[in-house]
Protein backbone atom coordinates (compact mmCIF):
# COMPACT_ATOMS: atom_id res chain seq x y z
CA MET A 1 -0.25 -0.11 0.15
CA SER A 2 2.62 2.09 0.86
CA ALA A 3 4.22 1.96 -2.18
CA ILE A 4 1.33 2.34 -4.26
CA LEU A 5 0.69 5.65 -2.40
CA ALA A 6 4.56 6.57 -3.49
CA ASN A 7 3.54 5.82 -7.07
CA THR A 8 0.70 7.94 -7.09
CA ALA A 9 2.51 10.82 -5.46
CA ILE A 10 5.50 10.99 -8.31
CA VAL A 11 2.62 10.53 -10.79
CA THR A 12 0.43 13.10 -9.58
CA GLY A 13 3.20 15.36 -8.72
CA ALA A 14 1.93 16.21 -5.65
CA PRO A 15 4.07 17.99 -3.30
CA GLU A 16 5.49 16.74 -0.21
CA PRO A 17 4.07 18.71 2.84
CA ALA A 18 7.03 20.94 4.06
CA ARG A 19 8.78 20.18 7.15
CA ARG A 20 7.81 23.20 9.94
CA ARG A 21 11.26 24.04 11.96
CA ALA A 22 11.61 23.52 15.10
CA GLY A 23 11.05 27.07 16.66
CA GLY A 24 10.29 28.30 13.73
CA GLY A 25 6.95 29.30 14.92
CA LEU A 26 8.84 31.11 17.53
CA TRP A 27 11.23 32.82 14.93
CA THR A 28 8.60 34.19 12.87
CA ALA A 29 6.82 35.68 15.38
CA VAL A 30 9.62 38.00 16.93
CA ARG A 31 10.64 39.23 13.18
CA THR A 32 7.51 39.95 11.95
CA ASN A 33 6.66 41.57 15.30
CA ARG A 34 8.19 45.27 15.38
CA LYS A 35 7.70 45.51 18.93
CA ALA A 36 8.88 41.83 19.72
CA MET A 37 12.05 41.97 17.46
CA ALA A 38 12.61 46.00 19.35
CA GLY A 39 12.83 43.97 22.94
CA LEU A 40 14.99 41.37 21.51
CA ILE A 41 17.61 43.93 20.12
CA ILE A 42 17.67 46.11 23.25
CA PHE A 43 17.77 43.19 25.36
CA LEU A 44 20.84 41.49 23.05
CA ILE A 45 22.67 45.45 23.34
CA PHE A 46 22.19 44.79 27.10
CA ALA A 47 23.12 41.14 27.07
CA ALA A 48 26.37 42.26 24.95
CA MET A 49 27.67 44.99 27.78
CA ALA A 50 26.63 42.21 30.60
CA ALA A 51 29.04 39.89 28.78
CA VAL A 52 32.02 41.99 27.57
CA PRO A 53 32.05 45.60 29.03
CA ARG A 54 35.64 46.16 27.90
CA LEU A 55 34.03 46.95 24.15
CA PHE A 56 32.17 49.56 25.17
CA THR A 57 34.32 51.49 27.97
CA SER A 58 38.33 51.73 28.20
CA VAL A 59 37.89 52.04 31.82
CA LYS A 60 38.46 48.54 34.20
CA HIS A 61 37.73 49.34 37.62
CA PRO A 62 34.68 51.99 37.43
CA ASN A 63 34.20 51.62 41.20
CA ASP A 64 37.14 52.78 42.37
CA ALA A 65 37.33 56.23 43.50
CA ALA A 66 39.16 59.48 42.89
CA GLN A 67 40.42 58.09 39.50
CA TYR A 68 39.38 61.86 37.96
CA ALA A 69 37.71 64.93 38.79
CA SER A 70 34.77 65.05 41.21
CA LEU A 71 31.74 66.13 39.97
CA ALA A 72 32.88 66.53 36.54
CA HIS A 73 30.08 67.65 33.64
CA PRO A 74 29.77 65.08 30.82
CA GLY A 75 31.92 65.68 27.80
CA SER A 76 34.17 64.09 25.56
CA GLN A 77 36.26 62.78 28.25
CA HIS A 78 33.13 61.66 30.36
CA TRP A 79 30.36 61.33 28.63
CA LEU A 80 27.73 61.18 31.57
CA GLY A 81 30.12 62.72 33.79
CA THR A 82 31.12 61.55 37.29
CA THR A 83 30.60 61.00 40.50
CA GLN A 84 31.34 62.92 44.21
CA LEU A 85 33.94 60.67 44.41
CA GLY A 86 35.49 60.70 40.81
CA GLN A 87 33.74 57.76 39.17
CA ASP A 88 33.38 57.83 35.50
CA ILE A 89 29.33 57.42 35.76
CA TYR A 90 29.15 55.62 31.91
CA ALA A 91 31.63 53.05 33.29
CA GLN A 92 29.51 52.35 35.96
CA LEU A 93 26.41 52.26 33.87
CA ILE A 94 28.42 49.60 31.26
CA TYR A 95 29.65 47.23 34.30
CA GLY A 96 26.81 47.43 36.15
CA THR A 97 24.37 45.81 33.25
CA ARG A 98 25.87 42.27 34.48
CA GLN A 99 24.53 42.28 37.90
CA SER A 100 21.48 43.51 36.81
CA LEU A 101 21.15 41.59 34.17
CA VAL A 102 21.65 39.00 36.31
CA ILE A 103 19.02 39.35 39.11
CA ALA A 104 16.51 39.48 36.02
CA LEU A 105 17.25 36.25 34.31
CA ILE A 106 18.16 34.37 37.40
CA ALA A 107 15.36 35.42 39.53
CA GLY A 108 12.97 34.84 36.35
CA PHE A 109 13.94 31.11 35.31
CA PHE A 110 13.88 29.76 39.10
CA ALA A 111 10.33 32.05 39.54
CA THR A 112 9.05 30.42 36.68
CA VAL A 113 10.42 27.17 37.48
CA LEU A 114 8.12 27.64 40.85
CA SER A 115 5.70 28.62 38.84
CA VAL A 116 5.53 25.26 36.61
CA LEU A 117 6.24 22.94 39.57
CA ILE A 118 3.16 24.16 41.74
CA GLY A 119 0.51 25.43 38.93
CA VAL A 120 0.68 22.76 36.37
CA SER A 121 1.19 19.84 39.00
CA ALA A 122 -1.99 21.61 41.12
CA ALA A 123 -4.47 21.49 38.42
CA TYR A 124 -3.23 18.31 36.72
CA LEU A 125 -3.27 16.44 40.28
CA GLY A 126 -6.54 17.60 41.56
CA GLY A 127 -7.57 16.77 44.91
CA ILE A 128 -6.68 17.68 48.47
CA GLY A 129 -3.32 18.34 46.35
CA ASP A 130 -5.19 21.19 44.30
CA GLU A 131 -6.99 22.91 47.31
CA ALA A 132 -3.97 22.96 49.07
CA LEU A 133 -1.49 24.31 46.22
CA SER A 134 -3.83 26.47 45.56
CA LEU A 135 -5.18 27.73 48.81
CA LEU A 136 -1.09 28.30 49.32
CA THR A 137 -0.63 30.33 45.73
CA ASN A 138 -3.73 32.79 46.70
CA VAL A 139 -2.08 33.33 50.02
CA PHE A 140 0.77 34.77 48.14
CA LEU A 141 -0.86 36.18 45.27
CA VAL A 142 -3.64 38.49 48.33
CA LEU A 143 0.03 39.65 49.92
CA PRO A 144 1.42 42.94 50.46
CA THR A 145 4.04 42.13 47.76
CA PHE A 146 6.67 45.09 47.87
CA PRO A 147 6.50 45.63 52.30
CA LEU A 148 7.37 42.09 52.60
CA ILE A 149 10.46 42.09 50.18
CA ILE A 150 11.17 44.84 52.15
CA VAL A 151 10.85 42.52 55.64
CA LEU A 152 12.66 39.74 54.29
CA ALA A 153 15.15 41.49 52.82
CA THR A 154 16.09 43.50 55.93
CA TYR A 155 15.94 40.63 58.37
CA ALA A 156 17.03 38.07 56.14
CA GLY A 157 20.26 39.20 55.23
CA LYS A 158 20.66 42.94 53.94
CA GLY A 159 23.36 43.33 51.22
CA ASN A 160 23.20 40.00 50.40
CA LEU A 161 23.05 39.23 46.65
CA LEU A 162 21.27 35.74 47.37
CA VAL A 163 18.68 36.66 49.72
CA VAL A 164 18.02 39.61 47.20
CA ILE A 165 17.47 37.11 44.56
CA VAL A 166 15.39 34.31 46.60
CA VAL A 167 13.07 36.63 47.79
CA LEU A 168 12.22 38.19 44.58
CA VAL A 169 11.78 34.54 43.48
CA VAL A 170 9.81 33.57 47.16
CA THR A 171 7.26 36.63 45.80
CA GLY A 172 7.08 36.54 42.04
CA TRP A 173 6.04 32.86 41.19
CA SER A 174 2.18 32.94 42.19
CA TYR A 175 0.89 34.61 39.32
CA GLY A 176 2.55 32.41 37.12
CA ALA A 177 1.32 29.55 38.95
CA ASN A 178 -2.39 30.88 38.78
CA GLN A 179 -1.88 31.30 34.92
CA LEU A 180 -0.52 27.77 34.51
CA ARG A 181 -3.17 26.21 37.12
CA ALA A 182 -5.85 27.90 34.39
CA GLN A 183 -4.23 26.64 31.32
CA THR A 184 -3.65 22.64 32.40
CA LEU A 185 -7.13 22.33 34.18
CA SER A 186 -8.55 23.54 30.09
CA LEU A 187 -5.99 20.78 28.77
CA ARG A 188 -6.73 18.05 31.38
CA ASN A 189 -9.67 15.47 29.77
CA ARG A 190 -8.06 16.42 26.37
CA ASP A 191 -7.54 13.21 23.95
CA PHE A 192 -4.47 13.13 23.49
CA LEU A 193 -3.51 13.29 27.36
CA GLU A 194 -6.50 10.63 27.87
CA SER A 195 -4.71 8.45 25.42
CA ALA A 196 -1.28 9.22 27.15
CA ARG A 197 -2.88 7.97 30.41
CA VAL A 198 -4.74 4.45 28.43
CA ARG A 199 -1.24 3.58 27.56
CA GLY A 200 -0.56 3.18 31.06
CA GLU A 201 2.32 6.49 30.64
CA ARG A 202 3.00 7.74 34.51
CA ARG A 203 1.76 11.42 35.64
CA SER A 204 5.54 12.71 35.53
CA TYR A 205 5.91 11.66 32.02
CA ILE A 206 2.72 12.98 30.89
CA ILE A 207 3.31 15.74 32.40
CA VAL A 208 6.22 17.11 31.35
CA ALA A 209 6.12 15.14 27.46
CA GLU A 210 2.85 15.48 26.52
CA LEU A 211 1.50 18.82 28.51
CA LEU A 212 3.98 21.10 29.20
CA PRO A 213 5.31 21.05 25.11
CA THR A 214 1.99 22.87 24.84
CA MET A 215 2.17 25.27 27.40
CA THR A 216 5.69 26.72 25.89
CA SER A 217 4.74 30.15 25.04
CA LEU A 218 2.80 30.87 27.89
CA ILE A 219 5.33 29.72 30.49
CA VAL A 220 7.46 32.04 28.45
CA ALA A 221 5.43 34.43 28.85
CA ASN A 222 5.70 33.87 31.97
CA PHE A 223 9.36 34.01 32.66
CA LEU A 224 9.66 37.29 30.58
CA GLY A 225 6.65 38.83 33.14
CA ALA A 226 9.08 37.43 36.42
CA ALA A 227 12.23 38.60 35.10
CA LEU A 228 10.41 42.05 34.37
CA TYR A 229 9.36 42.11 38.06
CA ALA A 230 12.61 41.00 38.69
CA VAL A 231 14.42 44.05 37.03
CA LEU A 232 12.06 46.67 38.78
CA THR A 233 12.11 44.96 42.39
CA ALA A 234 15.56 44.57 42.14
CA ALA A 235 16.60 48.01 41.22
CA GLY A 236 13.70 49.29 43.86
CA LEU A 237 15.44 47.52 46.63
CA GLN A 238 18.93 48.73 46.08
CA PHE A 239 17.50 52.03 45.35
CA LEU A 240 16.40 51.86 49.43
CA GLY A 241 19.36 50.31 50.50
CA LEU A 242 18.91 46.89 50.92
CA GLY A 243 21.06 45.58 48.44
CA ASP A 244 25.03 45.60 48.43
CA PRO A 245 25.63 49.05 48.04
CA SER A 246 29.83 48.88 47.32
CA SER A 247 28.49 46.32 44.29
CA LEU A 248 28.15 47.66 41.52
CA SER A 249 24.46 48.02 39.47
CA TRP A 250 22.12 50.42 38.50
CA GLY A 251 20.34 50.06 41.03
CA THR A 252 22.98 50.93 43.51
CA MET A 253 23.57 53.65 40.80
CA LEU A 254 20.53 55.41 42.31
CA TYR A 255 21.19 54.92 45.79
CA TRP A 256 24.33 56.54 45.48
CA SER A 257 22.96 59.45 43.26
CA GLN A 258 20.06 60.23 45.58
CA ASN A 259 22.43 59.36 49.02
CA ASP A 260 24.83 62.30 47.31
CA GLY A 261 22.22 64.36 46.25
CA ALA A 262 22.78 64.20 42.48
CA LEU A 263 19.63 65.96 41.35
CA GLN A 264 20.08 69.10 44.17
CA SER A 265 23.85 69.85 43.49
CA GLY A 266 22.89 69.78 39.62
CA TYR A 267 24.11 66.55 38.23
CA PRO A 268 20.79 64.65 37.17
CA VAL A 269 22.39 62.46 34.67
CA TRP A 270 24.12 60.47 37.27
CA ALA A 271 20.39 59.69 38.34
CA ILE A 272 18.41 59.34 34.91
CA ALA A 273 21.20 57.58 33.29
CA PRO A 274 20.56 54.33 35.55
CA GLY A 275 16.93 54.86 35.60
CA ILE A 276 16.40 55.32 31.65
CA CYS A 277 18.67 51.83 31.80
CA VAL A 278 16.64 49.74 33.98
CA ALA A 279 12.83 51.16 32.22
CA LEU A 280 15.00 50.00 28.92
CA LEU A 281 15.91 46.56 30.33
CA GLY A 282 12.19 46.25 31.16
CA ALA A 283 10.65 47.39 28.05
CA SER A 284 12.49 44.82 26.03
CA PHE A 285 11.33 41.64 28.32
CA ALA A 286 7.49 43.61 27.41
CA LEU A 287 8.03 44.04 23.84
CA LEU A 288 9.45 40.40 23.55
CA ASN A 289 6.09 39.40 24.96
CA TYR A 290 4.10 40.43 22.70
CA ALA A 291 5.16 37.67 19.80
CA PHE A 292 4.34 34.79 23.07
CA ASP A 293 1.14 36.15 22.73
CA GLU A 294 0.83 36.21 19.53
CA ILE A 295 1.65 31.92 19.85
CA SER A 296 -0.86 31.42 22.05
CA ASN A 297 -3.47 33.38 21.07
CA PRO A 298 -4.42 33.35 17.13
CA ALA A 299 -6.64 36.21 17.69
CA LEU A 300 -3.70 38.29 18.91
CA ARG A 301 -1.66 37.46 15.43
CA PRO A 302 -2.55 40.61 12.66
CA VAL A 303 -3.69 39.94 9.52
CA ARG A 304 -1.42 40.09 7.03
CA ARG A 305 -2.27 41.15 3.59
CA ILE A 306 -1.93 38.42 0.84
CA ARG A 307 -0.52 40.11 -2.87
CA VAL A 308 -2.37 38.27 -5.13
CA LYS A 309 -0.90 39.20 -9.14
CA ARG A 310 -3.04 40.17 -11.77
CA THR A 311 -2.60 38.27 -15.33
CA ASP A 312 -3.49 39.92 -18.51
CA SER A 313 -6.48 38.68 -20.30
C-alpha cells in the first residue's frame, strides 16, 4: 500500500508537505512583530554590555574612587560625567549591566520553575493536592508584595545578593502559577492526554512530555513577566539601600546618586541614566512578550495582506 501511495504521489506530482523546523514559529513571530523585534534588539545590546563591557568602555575598574575629577559635567572625556568620588558614570553604567541582568534572568528562571511545579501539578493532580496548592497560591497573591519584600530582605540578610534573588523568587511565582493552573485545567481532559493515560504512561511523563510542550509560549511569557518583575523590584530594593552598596548595578547607582544629592547638586544624569537603563531592560522583556502572546493566542496575530498577482487577459 505504501508503495502504491508513493507511486501515486510521483505520478500526480503532489508536493510533499513542508516540514516545520523546530523554533520556526517562535522566530517568525518575533521577526514579523516590530515590537518584539525592538525588544530583542534592546535585550541583545544589554547582553553584549554584560558579557564584554570592555567593548563599550576602556575603564577597567569603574568603582575605584578618585580616578578623575569629582562631579565633572558630561563631555568628550566623560560622556555622562563623574560622581562625587571621581568615578566615570558611563563606565559604571556599562559594568552595572551584568548584575542587573543576572538578577533578572536567574530570579525570572527560578520563579518560572516554581510556577510550573506548583501550578501545573496542582491542576493535573487535582483533589486535596490541588486545594492545598491553590490555597498557597492565593495566599501569596493577596499578600502586599513590596512591604513583604522589604521585611524579608531586611531580616534575612541585608546586602546579600543571594538573599535578594531568593526574595524575588519567593514573591514572584504566584501570578504565573495561577495562570498555568488555569491553562492546565483546560487541557487536563483533552484526547491526547487521555490516550497517554490509557497507554499506561506515568504522571510525570504525561506532564513533562505531553502537557508542558503545549504550554511553551505561556511558560516563556511567564518567564519574561517574572524577569520584568525582578528587574524593577531589585532596582527598588537596591535604591532603598537593601542591596549591597559596594556592588555595581543600576540600583546601587540610583542609591548613591540619591545619597549624594545628585538632583539637588545639578547633576541629574547620574540619577537619570541608570533609571533609563532599568526602564529599557524592563521594556525589552515587555515587548518580547508580544510575540509569545501571538503564538499562544491566534486571535492576536495581525492579519497580513495577501498580494494577488493580476494577469492580463
